[in-house]
């Protein structure tokens, strides 16, 4: 399975972006997640979703981001609202089992 993210870009504070992650094969029953890494910082968990659509969010995003999955399309989405400069990072899609990472997509939040 290969994962390809898209949807990143430059947005003003308070704006929205929708990231997508498309798999070359089926997710199966894998939990899927989004992580991010800001310049000079460690990679951090953003959100995940199980095969039964149970979701978890980092405290910093829980009321602004929404993760979803469409298994028939092998797609994971991350809707990001009310973006802040501190959300600036490279966002990575991750399949838990098997462990696969996408190449990342840059999100920049700046006036």
C-alpha atoms as a PDB file:
ATOM      1  CA  UNK A   1       0.000   0.000   0.000  1.00  0.00           C
ATOM      2  CA  UNK A   2       1.233   3.484  -0.837  1.00  0.00           C
ATOM      3  CA  UNK A   3      -0.277   6.660   0.594  1.00  0.00           C
ATOM      4  CA  UNK A   4      -0.409   9.984  -1.235  1.00  0.00           C
ATOM      5  CA  UNK A   5      -1.519  13.165   0.528  1.00  0.00           C
ATOM      6  CA  UNK A   6      -2.913  16.272  -1.126  1.00  0.00           C
ATOM      7  CA  UNK A   7      -4.718  19.461  -0.243  1.00  0.00           C
ATOM      8  CA  UNK A   8      -2.019  21.382   1.580  1.00  0.00           C
ATOM      9  CA  UNK A   9      -1.234  25.007   0.867  1.00  0.00           C
ATOM     10  CA  UNK A  10      -1.083  28.528   2.223  1.00  0.00           C
ATOM     11  CA  UNK A  11      -4.062  29.855   4.147  1.00  0.00           C
ATOM     12  CA  UNK A  12      -4.712  32.849   6.362  1.00  0.00           C
ATOM     13  CA  UNK A  13      -5.395  32.437  10.070  1.00  0.00           C
ATOM     14  CA  UNK A  14      -9.001  31.466  10.606  1.00  0.00           C
ATOM     15  CA  UNK A  15      -9.201  29.783   7.236  1.00  0.00           C
ATOM     16  CA  UNK A  16      -9.869  26.160   6.297  1.00  0.00           C
ATOM     17  CA  UNK A  17      -8.178  23.400   4.361  1.00  0.00           C
ATOM     18  CA  UNK A  18      -9.154  19.844   3.537  1.00  0.00           C
ATOM     19  CA  UNK A  19      -6.392  17.281   3.308  1.00  0.00           C
ATOM     20  CA  UNK A  20      -6.899  13.980   1.527  1.00  0.00           C
ATOM     21  CA  UNK A  21      -4.911  10.767   1.599  1.00  0.00           C
ATOM     22  CA  UNK A  22      -5.451   8.197  -1.119  1.00  0.00           C
ATOM     23  CA  UNK A  23      -4.146   4.658  -0.820  1.00  0.00           C
ATOM     24  CA  UNK A  24      -2.974   2.622  -3.770  1.00  0.00           C
ATOM     25  CA  UNK A  25      -4.650  -0.388  -2.210  1.00  0.00           C
ATOM     26  CA  UNK A  26      -7.285  -1.152   0.372  1.00  0.00           C
ATOM     27  CA  UNK A  27      -6.962   0.117   3.941  1.00  0.00           C
ATOM     28  CA  UNK A  28      -8.565  -3.108   5.092  1.00  0.00           C
ATOM     29  CA  UNK A  29      -9.285  -2.878   8.789  1.00  0.00           C
ATOM     30  CA  UNK A  30      -6.301  -0.662   9.562  1.00  0.00           C
ATOM     31  CA  UNK A  31      -6.598   2.309  11.835  1.00  0.00           C
ATOM     32  CA  UNK A  32      -5.608   5.410   9.893  1.00  0.00           C
ATOM     33  CA  UNK A  33      -4.063   8.567  11.279  1.00  0.00           C
ATOM     34  CA  UNK A  34      -2.745  12.018  10.531  1.00  0.00           C
ATOM     35  CA  UNK A  35       0.481  13.296  12.064  1.00  0.00           C
ATOM     36  CA  UNK A  36       2.305  16.565  11.566  1.00  0.00           C
ATOM     37  CA  UNK A  37       5.811  17.872  11.948  1.00  0.00           C
ATOM     38  CA  UNK A  38       6.630  21.535  12.257  1.00  0.00           C
ATOM     39  CA  UNK A  39      10.063  22.820  11.334  1.00  0.00           C
ATOM     40  CA  UNK A  40      12.519  22.032  14.105  1.00  0.00           C
ATOM     41  CA  UNK A  41       9.983  20.052  16.123  1.00  0.00           C
ATOM     42  CA  UNK A  42       9.170  16.404  16.645  1.00  0.00           C
ATOM     43  CA  UNK A  43       6.430  14.665  14.742  1.00  0.00           C
ATOM     44  CA  UNK A  44       3.146  14.804  16.657  1.00  0.00           C
ATOM     45  CA  UNK A  45      -0.169  12.975  16.529  1.00  0.00           C
ATOM     46  CA  UNK A  46      -3.108  14.916  15.111  1.00  0.00           C
ATOM     47  CA  UNK A  47      -6.021  12.484  14.735  1.00  0.00           C
ATOM     48  CA  UNK A  48      -6.887   8.884  13.998  1.00  0.00           C
ATOM     49  CA  UNK A  49      -9.878   6.843  12.922  1.00  0.00           C
ATOM     50  CA  UNK A  50     -10.532   3.145  13.327  1.00  0.00           C
ATOM     51  CA  UNK A  51     -12.196   0.780  10.875  1.00  0.00           C
ATOM     52  CA  UNK A  52     -15.345   1.212  12.986  1.00  0.00           C
ATOM     53  CA  UNK A  53     -15.073   5.003  12.622  1.00  0.00           C
ATOM     54  CA  UNK A  54     -14.031   5.661  16.199  1.00  0.00           C
ATOM     55  CA  UNK A  55     -11.981   8.857  16.258  1.00  0.00           C
ATOM     56  CA  UNK A  56      -9.348  10.431  18.500  1.00  0.00           C
ATOM     57  CA  UNK A  57      -7.876  13.894  18.332  1.00  0.00           C
ATOM     58  CA  UNK A  58      -4.970  15.789  19.783  1.00  0.00           C
ATOM     59  CA  UNK A  59      -6.116  18.268  22.392  1.00  0.00           C
ATOM     60  CA  UNK A  60      -4.884  21.166  20.268  1.00  0.00           C
ATOM     61  CA  UNK A  61      -7.175  20.310  17.336  1.00  0.00           C
ATOM     62  CA  UNK A  62     -10.195  18.392  18.698  1.00  0.00           C
ATOM     63  CA  UNK A  63     -12.681  21.207  18.247  1.00  0.00           C
ATOM     64  CA  UNK A  64     -11.355  22.401  14.882  1.00  0.00           C
ATOM     65  CA  UNK A  65     -10.335  19.321  12.858  1.00  0.00           C
ATOM     66  CA  UNK A  66     -12.425  16.387  11.641  1.00  0.00           C
ATOM     67  CA  UNK A  67     -11.017  13.109  10.367  1.00  0.00           C
ATOM     68  CA  UNK A  68     -13.069  10.850   8.121  1.00  0.00           C
ATOM     69  CA  UNK A  69     -12.588   7.800   5.947  1.00  0.00           C
ATOM     70  CA  UNK A  70     -14.293   6.469   2.841  1.00  0.00           C
ATOM     71  CA  UNK A  71     -13.095   2.895   2.554  1.00  0.00           C
ATOM     72  CA  UNK A  72     -14.675   2.207  -0.824  1.00  0.00           C
ATOM     73  CA  UNK A  73     -12.573   5.065  -2.175  1.00  0.00           C
ATOM     74  CA  UNK A  74      -9.484   4.153  -0.092  1.00  0.00           C
ATOM     75  CA  UNK A  75      -9.478   7.752   1.112  1.00  0.00           C
ATOM     76  CA  UNK A  76      -8.835   9.468   4.424  1.00  0.00           C
ATOM     77  CA  UNK A  77      -9.693  13.129   4.848  1.00  0.00           C
ATOM     78  CA  UNK A  78      -8.799  15.771   7.401  1.00  0.00           C
ATOM     79  CA  UNK A  79     -11.032  18.827   7.454  1.00  0.00           C
ATOM     80  CA  UNK A  80      -9.193  21.652   9.197  1.00  0.00           C
ATOM     81  CA  UNK A  81     -11.099  24.739  10.279  1.00  0.00           C
ATOM     82  CA  UNK A  82     -10.145  27.836  12.244  1.00  0.00           C
ATOM     83  CA  UNK A  83      -6.519  27.337  11.335  1.00  0.00           C
ATOM     84  CA  UNK A  84      -3.823  28.996  13.412  1.00  0.00           C
ATOM     85  CA  UNK A  85      -0.191  29.828  12.648  1.00  0.00           C
ATOM     86  CA  UNK A  86       0.838  27.058  15.061  1.00  0.00           C
ATOM     87  CA  UNK A  87      -0.873  24.536  12.757  1.00  0.00           C
ATOM     88  CA  UNK A  88       1.859  25.186  10.190  1.00  0.00           C
ATOM     89  CA  UNK A  89       3.592  21.866   9.526  1.00  0.00           C
ATOM     90  CA  UNK A  90       4.040  19.032   7.086  1.00  0.00           C
ATOM     91  CA  UNK A  91       1.060  16.722   7.508  1.00  0.00           C
ATOM     92  CA  UNK A  92       1.516  12.985   7.046  1.00  0.00           C
ATOM     93  CA  UNK A  93      -1.029  10.250   6.492  1.00  0.00           C
ATOM     94  CA  UNK A  94      -0.277   6.981   8.294  1.00  0.00           C
ATOM     95  CA  UNK A  95      -1.640   3.472   8.063  1.00  0.00           C
ATOM     96  CA  UNK A  96      -1.108   1.663  11.350  1.00  0.00           C
ATOM     97  CA  UNK A  97      -1.189  -1.927  10.077  1.00  0.00           C
ATOM     98  CA  UNK A  98       0.758  -2.315   7.912  1.00  0.00           C
ATOM     99  CA  UNK A  99       2.833   0.659   8.973  1.00  0.00           C
ATOM    100  CA  UNK A 100       2.969   2.939   5.953  1.00  0.00           C
ATOM    101  CA  UNK A 101       3.598   6.680   5.743  1.00  0.00           C
ATOM    102  CA  UNK A 102       2.781   9.119   2.990  1.00  0.00           C
ATOM    103  CA  UNK A 103       5.259  11.671   1.674  1.00  0.00           C
ATOM    104  CA  UNK A 104       3.545  14.573   3.436  1.00  0.00           C
ATOM    105  CA  UNK A 105       1.829  17.767   2.380  1.00  0.00           C
ATOM    106  CA  UNK A 106       2.799  21.249   3.568  1.00  0.00           C
ATOM    107  CA  UNK A 107       0.269  23.382   5.401  1.00  0.00           C
ATOM    108  CA  UNK A 108       1.231  26.996   6.051  1.00  0.00           C
ATOM    109  CA  UNK A 109      -0.992  29.327   8.059  1.00  0.00           C
ATOM    110  CA  UNK A 110       0.141  32.911   7.715  1.00  0.00           C
ATOM    111  CA  UNK A 111      -1.381  36.368   7.179  1.00  0.00           C
END
